[in-house]
């Protein structure tokens, strides 16, 4: 039962991420990615204490890269208005 409770939030995050992109919603996708990154930091501080400061740069850079790539992909993906 402990393993299910431990793995549940991660599995739920992937389901919600899939839902966001199934709907083709950039805003929902960005919210899910950024909330997931923030929860990772909170989780680390809860379980690791002050040593969790070591993941802050990695989480920040990872979130910036994910946000940039998502915005770039959606820009390529969305149809453009024809030029007149």
C-alpha atoms as a PDB file:
ATOM      1  CA  UNK A   1       0.000   0.000   0.000  1.00  0.00           C
ATOM      2  CA  UNK A   2       2.894   2.367   0.745  1.00  0.00           C
ATOM      3  CA  UNK A   3       4.283   1.882  -2.766  1.00  0.00           C
ATOM      4  CA  UNK A   4       0.916   2.795  -4.291  1.00  0.00           C
ATOM      5  CA  UNK A   5       0.672   5.939  -2.178  1.00  0.00           C
ATOM      6  CA  UNK A   6       4.243   6.878  -3.070  1.00  0.00           C
ATOM      7  CA  UNK A   7       3.815   6.339  -6.835  1.00  0.00           C
ATOM      8  CA  UNK A   8       0.284   7.742  -7.032  1.00  0.00           C
ATOM      9  CA  UNK A   9       1.123  11.457  -7.345  1.00  0.00           C
ATOM     10  CA  UNK A  10       3.612  10.826 -10.167  1.00  0.00           C
ATOM     11  CA  UNK A  11       1.143   8.691 -12.073  1.00  0.00           C
ATOM     12  CA  UNK A  12      -1.589  11.278 -11.564  1.00  0.00           C
ATOM     13  CA  UNK A  13       0.749  13.991 -12.886  1.00  0.00           C
ATOM     14  CA  UNK A  14       1.314  12.048 -16.118  1.00  0.00           C
ATOM     15  CA  UNK A  15      -2.437  11.509 -16.552  1.00  0.00           C
ATOM     16  CA  UNK A  16      -3.119  15.232 -16.114  1.00  0.00           C
ATOM     17  CA  UNK A  17      -0.252  16.094 -18.493  1.00  0.00           C
ATOM     18  CA  UNK A  18      -1.693  13.736 -21.092  1.00  0.00           C
ATOM     19  CA  UNK A  19      -5.124  15.289 -20.629  1.00  0.00           C
ATOM     20  CA  UNK A  20      -3.722  18.801 -21.131  1.00  0.00           C
ATOM     21  CA  UNK A  21      -2.054  17.928 -24.410  1.00  0.00           C
ATOM     22  CA  UNK A  22      -4.931  15.744 -25.573  1.00  0.00           C
ATOM     23  CA  UNK A  23      -7.011  18.916 -25.365  1.00  0.00           C
ATOM     24  CA  UNK A  24      -4.188  20.728 -27.227  1.00  0.00           C
ATOM     25  CA  UNK A  25      -4.125  23.389 -24.560  1.00  0.00           C
ATOM     26  CA  UNK A  26      -0.832  25.226 -24.240  1.00  0.00           C
ATOM     27  CA  UNK A  27      -1.938  27.000 -21.067  1.00  0.00           C
ATOM     28  CA  UNK A  28      -3.016  23.765 -19.365  1.00  0.00           C
ATOM     29  CA  UNK A  29       0.228  22.067 -20.412  1.00  0.00           C
ATOM     30  CA  UNK A  30       2.367  24.894 -19.070  1.00  0.00           C
ATOM     31  CA  UNK A  31       0.407  24.956 -15.816  1.00  0.00           C
ATOM     32  CA  UNK A  32       0.816  21.199 -15.330  1.00  0.00           C
ATOM     33  CA  UNK A  33       4.563  21.292 -16.059  1.00  0.00           C
ATOM     34  CA  UNK A  34       5.195  24.272 -13.764  1.00  0.00           C
ATOM     35  CA  UNK A  35       3.005  22.978 -10.939  1.00  0.00           C
ATOM     36  CA  UNK A  36       4.812  19.637 -11.216  1.00  0.00           C
ATOM     37  CA  UNK A  37       8.181  21.388 -10.946  1.00  0.00           C
ATOM     38  CA  UNK A  38       7.013  23.421  -7.950  1.00  0.00           C
ATOM     39  CA  UNK A  39       5.638  20.321  -6.221  1.00  0.00           C
ATOM     40  CA  UNK A  40       8.960  18.564  -6.811  1.00  0.00           C
ATOM     41  CA  UNK A  41      10.707  21.370  -4.939  1.00  0.00           C
ATOM     42  CA  UNK A  42       8.158  21.296  -2.100  1.00  0.00           C
ATOM     43  CA  UNK A  43       8.433  17.495  -1.890  1.00  0.00           C
ATOM     44  CA  UNK A  44      12.228  17.735  -1.743  1.00  0.00           C
ATOM     45  CA  UNK A  45      12.183  20.303   1.050  1.00  0.00           C
ATOM     46  CA  UNK A  46       9.688  18.201   2.988  1.00  0.00           C
ATOM     47  CA  UNK A  47      11.767  15.030   2.820  1.00  0.00           C
ATOM     48  CA  UNK A  48      15.340  16.346   2.484  1.00  0.00           C
ATOM     49  CA  UNK A  49      15.273  19.584   4.448  1.00  0.00           C
ATOM     50  CA  UNK A  50      17.925  22.146   3.634  1.00  0.00           C
ATOM     51  CA  UNK A  51      19.769  19.861   1.234  1.00  0.00           C
ATOM     52  CA  UNK A  52      16.886  20.380  -1.201  1.00  0.00           C
ATOM     53  CA  UNK A  53      18.419  23.736  -2.155  1.00  0.00           C
ATOM     54  CA  UNK A  54      20.750  21.758  -4.419  1.00  0.00           C
ATOM     55  CA  UNK A  55      17.915  20.903  -6.852  1.00  0.00           C
ATOM     56  CA  UNK A  56      16.647  24.477  -7.275  1.00  0.00           C
ATOM     57  CA  UNK A  57      18.991  25.350 -10.197  1.00  0.00           C
ATOM     58  CA  UNK A  58      18.217  22.091 -12.011  1.00  0.00           C
ATOM     59  CA  UNK A  59      14.456  22.470 -11.555  1.00  0.00           C
ATOM     60  CA  UNK A  60      14.564  26.096 -12.690  1.00  0.00           C
ATOM     61  CA  UNK A  61      16.599  25.359 -15.815  1.00  0.00           C
ATOM     62  CA  UNK A  62      14.459  22.317 -16.587  1.00  0.00           C
ATOM     63  CA  UNK A  63      11.232  24.322 -16.247  1.00  0.00           C
ATOM     64  CA  UNK A  64      12.599  27.088 -18.476  1.00  0.00           C
ATOM     65  CA  UNK A  65      13.644  24.580 -21.140  1.00  0.00           C
ATOM     66  CA  UNK A  66      10.292  22.760 -20.997  1.00  0.00           C
ATOM     67  CA  UNK A  67       8.355  26.027 -21.196  1.00  0.00           C
ATOM     68  CA  UNK A  68      10.430  27.240 -24.123  1.00  0.00           C
ATOM     69  CA  UNK A  69      10.126  23.972 -26.027  1.00  0.00           C
ATOM     70  CA  UNK A  70       6.376  23.778 -25.428  1.00  0.00           C
ATOM     71  CA  UNK A  71       5.844  27.330 -26.633  1.00  0.00           C
ATOM     72  CA  UNK A  72       8.024  26.689 -29.695  1.00  0.00           C
ATOM     73  CA  UNK A  73       6.215  23.428 -30.508  1.00  0.00           C
ATOM     74  CA  UNK A  74       2.783  25.000 -30.176  1.00  0.00           C
ATOM     75  CA  UNK A  75       3.867  27.913 -32.351  1.00  0.00           C
ATOM     76  CA  UNK A  76       4.880  25.474 -35.093  1.00  0.00           C
ATOM     77  CA  UNK A  77       1.808  23.351 -34.568  1.00  0.00           C
ATOM     78  CA  UNK A  78      -0.937  25.984 -34.630  1.00  0.00           C
ATOM     79  CA  UNK A  79      -2.200  26.986 -38.075  1.00  0.00           C
ATOM     80  CA  UNK A  80      -1.159  30.402 -39.278  1.00  0.00           C
ATOM     81  CA  UNK A  81      -3.386  32.936 -40.922  1.00  0.00           C
ATOM     82  CA  UNK A  82      -2.697  33.214 -44.669  1.00  0.00           C
ATOM     83  CA  UNK A  83      -0.719  36.275 -45.700  1.00  0.00           C
ATOM     84  CA  UNK A  84      -2.564  38.726 -47.878  1.00  0.00           C
END
